[in-house]
């Protein structure tokens, strides 16, 4: 059996304005025992980070109302810094460098496979994919 986070320590915040991708991420992670909080806006993502304990944040780089880098920075500023993964449809070495410099623990350029996503989440969280 996979090593899965329990309780609030297993909550993952997903921030992406593409509803289909948000649903896919959520489905993949719920199947592996993670609890999900999902939103499509930067503003809501920042609010959730401020008020809820999270194990991980997965955010799109470009959001209609802000920047995923702001999400990464907010996650790093919490009392217990929360790791984050940046995903983007506009992948480049420059955007990767900016994301990692802001404190992101991982970076994926879209499109990417489910296996790559789950492996990165598991690696950042130190869990075995289920």
N, C-alpha and C. Protein backbone atom coordinates (compact mmCIF):
# COMPACT_ATOMS: atom_id res chain seq x y z
N UNK A 1 0.85 -1.19 0.00
CA UNK A 1 0.00 0.00 0.00
C UNK A 1 0.88 1.24 0.00
N UNK A 2 0.42 2.27 -0.63
CA UNK A 2 1.19 3.50 -0.75
C UNK A 2 1.21 4.26 0.57
N UNK A 3 2.27 5.01 0.77
CA UNK A 3 2.38 5.88 1.91
C UNK A 3 1.65 7.16 1.56
N UNK A 4 0.50 7.41 2.19
CA UNK A 4 -0.31 8.57 1.86
C UNK A 4 -0.43 9.50 3.04
N UNK A 5 -0.40 10.80 2.79
CA UNK A 5 -0.59 11.75 3.88
C UNK A 5 -1.99 11.63 4.47
N UNK A 6 -2.10 11.91 5.73
CA UNK A 6 -3.39 11.83 6.41
C UNK A 6 -3.80 13.21 6.91
N UNK A 7 -5.10 13.39 7.11
CA UNK A 7 -5.62 14.62 7.68
C UNK A 7 -5.29 15.83 6.82
N UNK A 8 -5.19 17.02 7.47
CA UNK A 8 -4.91 18.25 6.74
C UNK A 8 -3.55 18.23 6.07
N UNK A 9 -2.64 17.41 6.61
CA UNK A 9 -1.31 17.35 6.00
C UNK A 9 -1.38 16.80 4.58
N UNK A 10 -2.50 16.18 4.22
CA UNK A 10 -2.65 15.64 2.88
C UNK A 10 -3.41 16.53 1.93
N UNK A 11 -3.78 17.74 2.37
CA UNK A 11 -4.55 18.66 1.53
C UNK A 11 -3.67 19.31 0.49
N UNK A 12 -4.12 19.25 -0.75
CA UNK A 12 -3.40 19.87 -1.86
C UNK A 12 -4.29 20.94 -2.48
N UNK A 13 -3.74 22.14 -2.64
CA UNK A 13 -4.45 23.22 -3.31
C UNK A 13 -4.07 23.20 -4.79
N UNK A 14 -5.08 23.15 -5.64
CA UNK A 14 -4.90 23.20 -7.09
C UNK A 14 -5.43 24.54 -7.59
N UNK A 15 -4.61 25.28 -8.34
CA UNK A 15 -5.03 26.57 -8.89
C UNK A 15 -4.75 26.55 -10.39
N UNK A 16 -5.81 26.50 -11.18
CA UNK A 16 -5.67 26.50 -12.64
C UNK A 16 -6.97 27.00 -13.23
N UNK A 17 -6.89 27.87 -14.24
CA UNK A 17 -8.10 28.42 -14.84
C UNK A 17 -8.68 27.53 -15.93
N UNK A 18 -8.01 26.44 -16.27
CA UNK A 18 -8.54 25.49 -17.25
C UNK A 18 -9.31 24.40 -16.50
N UNK A 19 -10.65 24.46 -16.59
CA UNK A 19 -11.51 23.56 -15.81
C UNK A 19 -11.21 22.09 -16.07
N UNK A 20 -10.95 21.72 -17.32
CA UNK A 20 -10.66 20.32 -17.63
C UNK A 20 -9.39 19.84 -16.94
N UNK A 21 -8.36 20.66 -16.96
CA UNK A 21 -7.11 20.28 -16.30
C UNK A 21 -7.29 20.20 -14.79
N UNK A 22 -8.01 21.15 -14.22
CA UNK A 22 -8.27 21.15 -12.79
C UNK A 22 -8.98 19.85 -12.40
N UNK A 23 -9.98 19.45 -13.17
CA UNK A 23 -10.71 18.20 -12.90
C UNK A 23 -9.79 16.98 -13.04
N UNK A 24 -8.90 17.00 -14.01
CA UNK A 24 -7.98 15.88 -14.21
C UNK A 24 -7.00 15.77 -13.05
N UNK A 25 -6.40 16.90 -12.65
CA UNK A 25 -5.48 16.88 -11.51
C UNK A 25 -6.19 16.34 -10.27
N UNK A 26 -7.40 16.86 -10.05
CA UNK A 26 -8.16 16.47 -8.87
C UNK A 26 -8.45 14.97 -8.88
N UNK A 27 -8.89 14.45 -10.00
CA UNK A 27 -9.19 13.02 -10.12
C UNK A 27 -7.94 12.18 -9.86
N UNK A 28 -6.83 12.53 -10.48
CA UNK A 28 -5.59 11.77 -10.31
C UNK A 28 -5.15 11.75 -8.84
N UNK A 29 -5.25 12.89 -8.18
CA UNK A 29 -4.77 12.97 -6.80
C UNK A 29 -5.73 12.33 -5.81
N UNK A 30 -7.04 12.50 -6.01
CA UNK A 30 -8.01 11.86 -5.11
C UNK A 30 -7.87 10.33 -5.15
N UNK A 31 -7.61 9.79 -6.33
CA UNK A 31 -7.42 8.34 -6.46
C UNK A 31 -6.26 7.84 -5.60
N UNK A 32 -5.34 8.73 -5.30
CA UNK A 32 -4.17 8.36 -4.52
C UNK A 32 -4.30 8.76 -3.06
N UNK A 33 -5.50 9.15 -2.66
CA UNK A 33 -5.78 9.41 -1.26
C UNK A 33 -5.57 10.84 -0.78
N UNK A 34 -5.27 11.74 -1.70
CA UNK A 34 -5.07 13.12 -1.29
C UNK A 34 -6.40 13.85 -1.20
N UNK A 35 -6.48 14.79 -0.28
CA UNK A 35 -7.64 15.67 -0.17
C UNK A 35 -7.34 16.92 -0.97
N UNK A 36 -8.32 17.38 -1.72
CA UNK A 36 -8.11 18.47 -2.68
C UNK A 36 -8.96 19.69 -2.36
N UNK A 37 -8.35 20.85 -2.55
CA UNK A 37 -9.05 22.13 -2.57
C UNK A 37 -8.69 22.70 -3.94
N UNK A 38 -9.68 23.08 -4.72
CA UNK A 38 -9.42 23.56 -6.08
C UNK A 38 -10.07 24.91 -6.32
N UNK A 39 -9.37 25.74 -7.09
CA UNK A 39 -9.90 27.04 -7.48
C UNK A 39 -9.31 27.44 -8.82
N UNK A 40 -9.99 28.35 -9.49
CA UNK A 40 -9.51 28.80 -10.80
C UNK A 40 -8.95 30.22 -10.76
N UNK A 41 -8.87 30.83 -9.58
CA UNK A 41 -8.40 32.21 -9.53
C UNK A 41 -7.22 32.39 -8.58
N UNK A 42 -6.37 33.32 -8.93
CA UNK A 42 -5.23 33.67 -8.09
C UNK A 42 -5.73 34.21 -6.74
N UNK A 43 -6.70 35.10 -6.78
CA UNK A 43 -7.23 35.70 -5.55
C UNK A 43 -7.73 34.65 -4.57
N UNK A 44 -8.53 33.69 -5.06
CA UNK A 44 -9.04 32.64 -4.19
C UNK A 44 -7.90 31.75 -3.69
N UNK A 45 -6.93 31.46 -4.55
CA UNK A 45 -5.80 30.65 -4.14
C UNK A 45 -5.03 31.30 -3.00
N UNK A 46 -4.78 32.60 -3.12
CA UNK A 46 -4.07 33.33 -2.07
C UNK A 46 -4.86 33.31 -0.76
N UNK A 47 -6.16 33.46 -0.85
CA UNK A 47 -7.02 33.42 0.34
C UNK A 47 -6.97 32.05 1.03
N UNK A 48 -7.02 31.00 0.24
CA UNK A 48 -6.97 29.64 0.80
C UNK A 48 -5.63 29.40 1.49
N UNK A 49 -4.54 29.84 0.87
CA UNK A 49 -3.21 29.67 1.46
C UNK A 49 -3.14 30.36 2.82
N UNK A 50 -3.77 31.52 2.95
CA UNK A 50 -3.74 32.27 4.21
C UNK A 50 -4.52 31.59 5.32
N UNK A 51 -5.57 30.85 4.98
CA UNK A 51 -6.46 30.36 6.04
C UNK A 51 -6.46 28.85 6.25
N UNK A 52 -5.85 28.06 5.36
CA UNK A 52 -5.91 26.61 5.50
C UNK A 52 -4.53 25.98 5.50
N UNK A 53 -4.31 24.99 6.39
CA UNK A 53 -3.04 24.25 6.33
C UNK A 53 -3.03 23.35 5.09
N UNK A 54 -1.92 23.37 4.38
CA UNK A 54 -1.81 22.62 3.14
C UNK A 54 -0.50 21.83 3.12
N UNK A 55 -0.52 20.73 2.40
CA UNK A 55 0.70 19.94 2.20
C UNK A 55 1.43 20.39 0.95
N UNK A 56 0.67 20.88 -0.04
CA UNK A 56 1.25 21.21 -1.34
C UNK A 56 0.32 22.16 -2.08
N UNK A 57 0.92 23.01 -2.91
CA UNK A 57 0.17 23.87 -3.82
C UNK A 57 0.64 23.56 -5.24
N UNK A 58 -0.31 23.33 -6.14
CA UNK A 58 -0.02 23.15 -7.56
C UNK A 58 -0.71 24.31 -8.26
N UNK A 59 0.06 25.16 -8.94
CA UNK A 59 -0.52 26.34 -9.57
C UNK A 59 -0.07 26.52 -11.00
N UNK A 60 -1.00 26.99 -11.81
CA UNK A 60 -0.67 27.39 -13.17
C UNK A 60 0.15 28.68 -13.07
N UNK A 61 1.02 28.90 -14.02
CA UNK A 61 1.85 30.09 -14.01
C UNK A 61 1.04 31.33 -14.38
N UNK A 62 0.21 31.21 -15.41
CA UNK A 62 -0.59 32.35 -15.89
C UNK A 62 -2.05 32.14 -15.51
N UNK A 63 -2.56 33.07 -14.73
CA UNK A 63 -3.96 33.03 -14.31
C UNK A 63 -4.62 34.34 -14.75
N UNK A 64 -5.93 34.32 -15.00
CA UNK A 64 -6.60 35.52 -15.51
C UNK A 64 -6.48 36.72 -14.57
N UNK A 65 -6.41 36.47 -13.27
CA UNK A 65 -6.40 37.57 -12.31
C UNK A 65 -5.08 37.69 -11.55
N UNK A 66 -4.02 37.09 -12.07
CA UNK A 66 -2.74 37.20 -11.37
C UNK A 66 -1.71 36.23 -11.90
N UNK A 67 -0.70 36.05 -11.11
CA UNK A 67 0.47 35.28 -11.51
C UNK A 67 0.68 34.13 -10.53
N UNK A 68 0.94 32.94 -11.07
CA UNK A 68 1.22 31.79 -10.22
C UNK A 68 2.43 31.98 -9.33
N UNK A 69 3.35 32.85 -9.73
CA UNK A 69 4.53 33.14 -8.90
C UNK A 69 4.10 33.78 -7.58
N UNK A 70 3.04 34.60 -7.61
CA UNK A 70 2.51 35.18 -6.37
C UNK A 70 1.99 34.08 -5.44
N UNK A 71 1.39 33.04 -6.03
CA UNK A 71 0.90 31.89 -5.25
C UNK A 71 2.08 31.18 -4.60
N UNK A 72 3.14 30.95 -5.38
CA UNK A 72 4.33 30.27 -4.86
C UNK A 72 4.91 31.07 -3.69
N UNK A 73 5.05 32.35 -3.87
CA UNK A 73 5.63 33.18 -2.80
C UNK A 73 4.77 33.18 -1.54
N UNK A 74 3.45 33.24 -1.72
CA UNK A 74 2.55 33.21 -0.57
C UNK A 74 2.66 31.87 0.17
N UNK A 75 2.77 30.80 -0.57
CA UNK A 75 2.91 29.47 0.06
C UNK A 75 4.22 29.38 0.86
N UNK A 76 5.26 30.00 0.37
CA UNK A 76 6.55 29.99 1.06
C UNK A 76 6.52 30.83 2.34
N UNK A 77 5.63 31.83 2.39
CA UNK A 77 5.56 32.74 3.54
C UNK A 77 4.71 32.23 4.68
N UNK A 78 4.03 31.10 4.53
CA UNK A 78 3.17 30.62 5.60
C UNK A 78 4.01 30.20 6.80
N UNK A 79 3.38 30.07 7.97
CA UNK A 79 4.10 29.71 9.19
C UNK A 79 4.94 28.46 8.99
N UNK A 80 4.36 27.47 8.33
CA UNK A 80 5.12 26.30 7.91
C UNK A 80 5.14 26.36 6.39
N UNK A 81 6.27 26.78 5.80
CA UNK A 81 6.30 26.95 4.35
C UNK A 81 5.77 25.74 3.59
N UNK A 82 4.88 26.01 2.66
CA UNK A 82 4.23 24.96 1.88
C UNK A 82 4.94 24.81 0.54
N UNK A 83 5.34 23.59 0.18
CA UNK A 83 5.97 23.40 -1.13
C UNK A 83 4.96 23.63 -2.25
N UNK A 84 5.48 23.98 -3.43
CA UNK A 84 4.60 24.25 -4.56
C UNK A 84 5.21 23.70 -5.85
N UNK A 85 4.31 23.43 -6.77
CA UNK A 85 4.67 23.00 -8.12
C UNK A 85 4.01 23.96 -9.09
N UNK A 86 4.78 24.44 -10.05
CA UNK A 86 4.25 25.34 -11.08
C UNK A 86 4.05 24.53 -12.36
N UNK A 87 2.87 24.68 -12.97
CA UNK A 87 2.59 24.07 -14.27
C UNK A 87 2.29 25.22 -15.24
N UNK A 88 2.69 25.04 -16.50
CA UNK A 88 2.45 26.11 -17.46
C UNK A 88 2.37 25.59 -18.88
N UNK A 89 1.54 26.22 -19.65
CA UNK A 89 1.44 25.93 -21.07
C UNK A 89 2.42 26.78 -21.86
N UNK A 90 3.17 27.61 -21.17
CA UNK A 90 4.14 28.51 -21.81
C UNK A 90 5.53 28.22 -21.25
N UNK A 91 5.91 26.96 -21.29
CA UNK A 91 7.17 26.53 -20.71
C UNK A 91 8.38 27.10 -21.42
N UNK A 92 9.35 27.53 -20.63
CA UNK A 92 10.63 28.00 -21.14
C UNK A 92 11.64 27.88 -20.02
N UNK A 93 12.90 27.93 -20.37
CA UNK A 93 13.94 27.88 -19.33
C UNK A 93 13.83 29.12 -18.44
N UNK A 94 13.46 30.25 -19.03
CA UNK A 94 13.31 31.49 -18.25
C UNK A 94 12.19 31.36 -17.22
N UNK A 95 11.02 30.85 -17.63
CA UNK A 95 9.91 30.72 -16.68
C UNK A 95 10.22 29.67 -15.62
N UNK A 96 10.92 28.62 -16.01
CA UNK A 96 11.34 27.60 -15.04
C UNK A 96 12.26 28.22 -13.99
N UNK A 97 13.22 29.00 -14.44
CA UNK A 97 14.16 29.65 -13.53
C UNK A 97 13.46 30.60 -12.57
N UNK A 98 12.51 31.38 -13.09
CA UNK A 98 11.75 32.31 -12.25
C UNK A 98 10.95 31.55 -11.20
N UNK A 99 10.28 30.48 -11.61
CA UNK A 99 9.47 29.68 -10.68
C UNK A 99 10.33 29.09 -9.57
N UNK A 100 11.44 28.50 -9.94
CA UNK A 100 12.32 27.88 -8.94
C UNK A 100 12.96 28.93 -8.04
N UNK A 101 13.33 30.08 -8.60
CA UNK A 101 13.91 31.15 -7.80
C UNK A 101 12.90 31.70 -6.79
N UNK A 102 11.61 31.68 -7.15
CA UNK A 102 10.56 32.16 -6.24
C UNK A 102 10.28 31.16 -5.12
N UNK A 103 10.80 29.94 -5.27
CA UNK A 103 10.62 28.95 -4.21
C UNK A 103 9.85 27.71 -4.61
N UNK A 104 9.48 27.60 -5.88
CA UNK A 104 8.77 26.40 -6.32
C UNK A 104 9.66 25.16 -6.14
N UNK A 105 9.04 24.07 -5.75
CA UNK A 105 9.76 22.80 -5.56
C UNK A 105 9.82 22.00 -6.84
N UNK A 106 8.96 22.35 -7.81
CA UNK A 106 8.92 21.63 -9.07
C UNK A 106 8.28 22.46 -10.15
N UNK A 107 8.47 22.03 -11.40
CA UNK A 107 7.98 22.77 -12.56
C UNK A 107 7.67 21.76 -13.66
N UNK A 108 6.50 21.90 -14.27
CA UNK A 108 6.11 21.04 -15.39
C UNK A 108 5.54 21.90 -16.51
N UNK A 109 6.02 21.66 -17.73
CA UNK A 109 5.47 22.35 -18.90
C UNK A 109 4.38 21.48 -19.50
N UNK A 110 3.22 22.10 -19.80
CA UNK A 110 2.11 21.39 -20.42
C UNK A 110 2.42 21.22 -21.90
N UNK A 111 2.00 20.16 -22.53
CA UNK A 111 1.30 19.02 -21.92
C UNK A 111 2.30 18.08 -21.25
N UNK A 112 1.84 17.40 -20.22
CA UNK A 112 2.66 16.40 -19.56
C UNK A 112 1.77 15.23 -19.22
N UNK A 113 2.37 14.08 -19.01
CA UNK A 113 1.62 12.87 -18.72
C UNK A 113 1.24 12.75 -17.26
N UNK A 114 0.24 11.94 -17.01
CA UNK A 114 -0.22 11.69 -15.64
C UNK A 114 0.90 11.14 -14.78
N UNK A 115 1.71 10.25 -15.35
CA UNK A 115 2.80 9.64 -14.58
C UNK A 115 3.80 10.69 -14.13
N UNK A 116 4.16 11.61 -15.02
CA UNK A 116 5.10 12.67 -14.65
C UNK A 116 4.53 13.54 -13.54
N UNK A 117 3.24 13.87 -13.63
CA UNK A 117 2.59 14.70 -12.62
C UNK A 117 2.57 14.00 -11.27
N UNK A 118 2.10 12.76 -11.24
CA UNK A 118 2.00 12.02 -9.99
C UNK A 118 3.39 11.79 -9.39
N UNK A 119 4.37 11.50 -10.22
CA UNK A 119 5.73 11.29 -9.73
C UNK A 119 6.29 12.56 -9.09
N UNK A 120 6.05 13.70 -9.72
CA UNK A 120 6.54 14.96 -9.17
C UNK A 120 5.85 15.28 -7.85
N UNK A 121 4.53 15.12 -7.79
CA UNK A 121 3.79 15.36 -6.54
C UNK A 121 4.34 14.44 -5.45
N UNK A 122 4.47 13.16 -5.75
CA UNK A 122 4.99 12.21 -4.76
C UNK A 122 6.40 12.56 -4.32
N UNK A 123 7.23 12.98 -5.26
CA UNK A 123 8.60 13.36 -4.92
C UNK A 123 8.67 14.57 -4.03
N UNK A 124 7.86 15.58 -4.32
CA UNK A 124 7.84 16.79 -3.50
C UNK A 124 7.31 16.50 -2.10
N UNK A 125 6.29 15.65 -2.02
CA UNK A 125 5.70 15.33 -0.73
C UNK A 125 6.43 14.21 0.02
N UNK A 126 7.32 13.51 -0.69
CA UNK A 126 8.02 12.40 -0.05
C UNK A 126 7.12 11.21 0.19
N UNK A 127 6.13 11.02 -0.71
CA UNK A 127 5.21 9.89 -0.60
C UNK A 127 5.35 8.99 -1.82
N UNK A 128 4.87 7.79 -1.67
CA UNK A 128 4.89 6.83 -2.77
C UNK A 128 3.56 6.91 -3.50
N UNK A 129 3.56 7.14 -4.81
CA UNK A 129 2.30 7.18 -5.53
C UNK A 129 1.52 5.88 -5.34
N UNK A 130 0.19 6.03 -5.16
CA UNK A 130 -0.66 4.86 -4.92
C UNK A 130 -1.31 4.36 -6.16
